[in-house]
Amino acid sequence: MILASRLALTTALLWFVAANLVGLLLGLGVLPYNWRPAHAHMQLLGFVALMIYGVAYHALPRFRGVVFRRPGLALFQVGLANLGLLGMALAWGLGLGAGVWGAFAGLSFAAGFLFALLALEILWG
C-alpha cells in the first residue's frame, strides 16, 4: 500500500472521530451553531472523501492491473485535502471570515480536482 493510501485512510479515521466529537459538543450546547458547517464538512470531506481517496489509490491500480505511477503526487494531494479541510473547519468555527474560508476552500477544491486527474490517469492512462 502506498503511503498516500495509508495517510488518507488514517486521517479519514481521525476526521471521523473529530467530527463526531464536534457533533457531540454541538448537541450538548458546548459549541455554538456556527460549528455546524465545520461538523458536516469534517464528516464529508474528512471522513468520506479521504476514505475514498485512500481506497481508490490502493484499489484502482489493482483493478486495472497497472502500477500507480505518481505516488508522490498522490501524497501531496492527500496533504492538500487535509490542509484545506482543517483551514475551512477552523475558519467556520472560529469565525475567521469568508476570505480565510475561501482560501482554504480553494485548496480543498484543488485537492479534489487533483484526485480526479490522478484517478482518470489510472483508469485511462
C-alpha atoms as a PDB file:
ATOM      1  CA  MET A   1       0.000   0.000   0.000  1.00  0.00           C
ATOM      2  CA  ILE A   2       1.434   3.376  -0.959  1.00  0.00           C
ATOM      3  CA  LEU A   3       1.964   5.999   1.726  1.00  0.00           C
ATOM      4  CA  ALA A   4      -0.771   8.229   0.293  1.00  0.00           C
ATOM      5  CA  SER A   5      -3.336   5.454   0.828  1.00  0.00           C
ATOM      6  CA  ARG A   6      -2.228   4.826   4.401  1.00  0.00           C
ATOM      7  CA  LEU A   7      -2.204   8.539   5.203  1.00  0.00           C
ATOM      8  CA  ALA A   8      -5.612   9.109   3.621  1.00  0.00           C
ATOM      9  CA  LEU A   9      -7.172   6.177   5.485  1.00  0.00           C
ATOM     10  CA  THR A  10      -5.567   7.144   8.799  1.00  0.00           C
ATOM     11  CA  THR A  11      -6.591  10.784   8.568  1.00  0.00           C
ATOM     12  CA  ALA A  12     -10.088   9.751   7.456  1.00  0.00           C
ATOM     13  CA  LEU A  13     -10.486   7.899  10.740  1.00  0.00           C
ATOM     14  CA  LEU A  14      -9.085  10.846  12.698  1.00  0.00           C
ATOM     15  CA  TRP A  15     -11.510  13.224  10.966  1.00  0.00           C
ATOM     16  CA  PHE A  16     -14.342  10.790  11.751  1.00  0.00           C
ATOM     17  CA  VAL A  17     -13.544  10.874  15.459  1.00  0.00           C
ATOM     18  CA  ALA A  18     -13.028  14.656  15.451  1.00  0.00           C
ATOM     19  CA  ALA A  19     -16.297  15.263  13.568  1.00  0.00           C
ATOM     20  CA  ASN A  20     -18.214  13.058  15.980  1.00  0.00           C
ATOM     21  CA  LEU A  21     -16.717  14.963  18.899  1.00  0.00           C
ATOM     22  CA  VAL A  22     -17.758  18.280  17.333  1.00  0.00           C
ATOM     23  CA  GLY A  23     -21.239  16.836  16.783  1.00  0.00           C
ATOM     24  CA  LEU A  24     -21.435  15.746  20.413  1.00  0.00           C
ATOM     25  CA  LEU A  25     -20.291  19.151  21.645  1.00  0.00           C
ATOM     26  CA  LEU A  26     -22.822  20.843  19.355  1.00  0.00           C
ATOM     27  CA  GLY A  27     -25.585  18.619  20.708  1.00  0.00           C
ATOM     28  CA  LEU A  28     -24.606  19.357  24.298  1.00  0.00           C
ATOM     29  CA  GLY A  29     -24.571  23.084  23.621  1.00  0.00           C
ATOM     30  CA  VAL A  30     -20.856  23.424  24.354  1.00  0.00           C
ATOM     31  CA  LEU A  31     -20.055  24.665  20.841  1.00  0.00           C
ATOM     32  CA  PRO A  32     -22.083  27.389  19.127  1.00  0.00           C
ATOM     33  CA  TYR A  33     -24.053  26.596  15.974  1.00  0.00           C
ATOM     34  CA  ASN A  34     -21.519  28.286  13.693  1.00  0.00           C
ATOM     35  CA  TRP A  35     -19.593  24.984  14.024  1.00  0.00           C
ATOM     36  CA  ARG A  36     -22.347  23.080  12.155  1.00  0.00           C
ATOM     37  CA  PRO A  37     -20.849  23.563   8.666  1.00  0.00           C
ATOM     38  CA  ALA A  38     -17.465  22.532  10.045  1.00  0.00           C
ATOM     39  CA  HIS A  39     -19.004  19.376  11.515  1.00  0.00           C
ATOM     40  CA  ALA A  40     -20.656  18.480   8.194  1.00  0.00           C
ATOM     41  CA  HIS A  41     -17.513  19.069   6.161  1.00  0.00           C
ATOM     42  CA  MET A  42     -15.371  17.154   8.648  1.00  0.00           C
ATOM     43  CA  GLN A  43     -17.675  14.179   8.082  1.00  0.00           C
ATOM     44  CA  LEU A  44     -17.975  14.502   4.300  1.00  0.00           C
ATOM     45  CA  LEU A  45     -14.590  15.812   3.183  1.00  0.00           C
ATOM     46  CA  GLY A  46     -12.698  14.472   6.173  1.00  0.00           C
ATOM     47  CA  PHE A  47     -14.109  11.015   6.643  1.00  0.00           C
ATOM     48  CA  VAL A  48     -15.903  10.146   3.406  1.00  0.00           C
ATOM     49  CA  ALA A  49     -13.670  11.796   0.792  1.00  0.00           C
ATOM     50  CA  LEU A  50     -10.391  10.810   2.424  1.00  0.00           C
ATOM     51  CA  MET A  51     -11.623   7.239   2.830  1.00  0.00           C
ATOM     52  CA  ILE A  52     -12.462   7.225  -0.884  1.00  0.00           C
ATOM     53  CA  TYR A  53      -9.033   8.655  -1.758  1.00  0.00           C
ATOM     54  CA  GLY A  54      -7.268   6.007   0.306  1.00  0.00           C
ATOM     55  CA  VAL A  55      -9.237   3.082  -1.060  1.00  0.00           C
ATOM     56  CA  ALA A  56      -9.078   4.359  -4.650  1.00  0.00           C
ATOM     57  CA  TYR A  57      -5.312   4.864  -4.618  1.00  0.00           C
ATOM     58  CA  HIS A  58      -4.936   1.292  -3.408  1.00  0.00           C
ATOM     59  CA  ALA A  59      -7.662  -0.460  -5.403  1.00  0.00           C
ATOM     60  CA  LEU A  60      -7.875   1.261  -8.795  1.00  0.00           C
ATOM     61  CA  PRO A  61      -4.380   0.277  -9.980  1.00  0.00           C
ATOM     62  CA  ARG A  62      -5.080  -3.312  -8.933  1.00  0.00           C
ATOM     63  CA  PHE A  63      -8.419  -3.364 -10.750  1.00  0.00           C
ATOM     64  CA  ARG A  64      -6.633  -2.213 -13.905  1.00  0.00           C
ATOM     65  CA  GLY A  65      -3.531  -4.338 -13.383  1.00  0.00           C
ATOM     66  CA  VAL A  66      -1.220  -1.323 -13.618  1.00  0.00           C
ATOM     67  CA  VAL A  67       1.412   0.264 -11.407  1.00  0.00           C
ATOM     68  CA  PHE A  68       0.455   3.565  -9.786  1.00  0.00           C
ATOM     69  CA  ARG A  69       2.872   5.997 -11.417  1.00  0.00           C
ATOM     70  CA  ARG A  70       2.510   9.086  -9.249  1.00  0.00           C
ATOM     71  CA  PRO A  71       2.638   8.147  -5.545  1.00  0.00           C
ATOM     72  CA  GLY A  72       4.398  11.398  -4.633  1.00  0.00           C
ATOM     73  CA  LEU A  73       1.690  13.491  -6.269  1.00  0.00           C
ATOM     74  CA  ALA A  74      -0.982  11.397  -4.515  1.00  0.00           C
ATOM     75  CA  LEU A  75       0.725  12.070  -1.182  1.00  0.00           C
ATOM     76  CA  PHE A  76       0.742  15.801  -1.971  1.00  0.00           C
ATOM     77  CA  GLN A  77      -2.970  15.584  -2.854  1.00  0.00           C
ATOM     78  CA  VAL A  78      -3.856  13.937   0.461  1.00  0.00           C
ATOM     79  CA  GLY A  79      -1.875  16.561   2.374  1.00  0.00           C
ATOM     80  CA  LEU A  80      -3.576  19.333   0.418  1.00  0.00           C
ATOM     81  CA  ALA A  81      -7.007  17.844   1.159  1.00  0.00           C
ATOM     82  CA  ASN A  82      -6.271  17.719   4.884  1.00  0.00           C
ATOM     83  CA  LEU A  83      -4.860  21.243   4.964  1.00  0.00           C
ATOM     84  CA  GLY A  84      -7.818  22.657   3.054  1.00  0.00           C
ATOM     85  CA  LEU A  85     -10.340  20.976   5.320  1.00  0.00           C
ATOM     86  CA  LEU A  86      -8.538  21.969   8.510  1.00  0.00           C
ATOM     87  CA  GLY A  87      -8.496  25.597   7.400  1.00  0.00           C
ATOM     88  CA  MET A  88     -12.155  25.574   6.373  1.00  0.00           C
ATOM     89  CA  ALA A  89     -13.286  23.941   9.614  1.00  0.00           C
ATOM     90  CA  LEU A  90     -11.350  26.394  11.762  1.00  0.00           C
ATOM     91  CA  ALA A  91     -12.462  29.379   9.660  1.00  0.00           C
ATOM     92  CA  TRP A  92     -16.106  28.419  10.187  1.00  0.00           C
ATOM     93  CA  GLY A  93     -15.831  27.515  13.817  1.00  0.00           C
ATOM     94  CA  LEU A  94     -13.722  30.473  14.845  1.00  0.00           C
ATOM     95  CA  GLY A  95     -15.466  32.962  12.558  1.00  0.00           C
ATOM     96  CA  LEU A  96     -12.313  33.917  10.665  1.00  0.00           C
ATOM     97  CA  GLY A  97     -14.255  35.313   7.723  1.00  0.00           C
ATOM     98  CA  ALA A  98     -15.081  34.466   4.147  1.00  0.00           C
ATOM     99  CA  GLY A  99     -11.630  35.360   2.817  1.00  0.00           C
ATOM    100  CA  VAL A 100      -9.836  32.861   5.033  1.00  0.00           C
ATOM    101  CA  TRP A 101     -12.501  30.242   4.444  1.00  0.00           C
ATOM    102  CA  GLY A 102     -12.354  30.839   0.683  1.00  0.00           C
ATOM    103  CA  ALA A 103      -8.580  30.421   0.545  1.00  0.00           C
ATOM    104  CA  PHE A 104      -8.791  27.049   2.260  1.00  0.00           C
ATOM    105  CA  ALA A 105     -11.820  26.058   0.189  1.00  0.00           C
ATOM    106  CA  GLY A 106      -9.645  26.703  -2.861  1.00  0.00           C
ATOM    107  CA  LEU A 107      -7.055  24.270  -1.515  1.00  0.00           C
ATOM    108  CA  SER A 108      -9.780  21.718  -0.920  1.00  0.00           C
ATOM    109  CA  PHE A 109     -11.070  22.178  -4.458  1.00  0.00           C
ATOM    110  CA  ALA A 110      -7.558  21.800  -5.850  1.00  0.00           C
ATOM    111  CA  ALA A 111      -7.146  18.556  -3.901  1.00  0.00           C
ATOM    112  CA  GLY A 112     -10.409  17.173  -5.263  1.00  0.00           C
ATOM    113  CA  PHE A 113      -9.521  18.185  -8.804  1.00  0.00           C
ATOM    114  CA  LEU A 114      -6.065  16.628  -8.496  1.00  0.00           C
ATOM    115  CA  PHE A 115      -7.607  13.397  -7.214  1.00  0.00           C
ATOM    116  CA  ALA A 116      -9.930  13.298 -10.228  1.00  0.00           C
ATOM    117  CA  LEU A 117      -6.974  13.763 -12.583  1.00  0.00           C
ATOM    118  CA  LEU A 118      -4.951  11.049 -10.844  1.00  0.00           C
ATOM    119  CA  ALA A 119      -7.884   8.633 -10.863  1.00  0.00           C
ATOM    120  CA  LEU A 120      -8.542   9.305 -14.545  1.00  0.00           C
ATOM    121  CA  GLU A 121      -4.892   8.648 -15.322  1.00  0.00           C
ATOM    122  CA  ILE A 122      -5.147   5.280 -13.565  1.00  0.00           C
ATOM    123  CA  LEU A 123      -8.369   4.422 -15.382  1.00  0.00           C
ATOM    124  CA  TRP A 124      -7.376   5.569 -18.847  1.00  0.00           C
ATOM    125  CA  GLY A 125      -3.588   6.127 -18.791  1.00  0.00           C
END
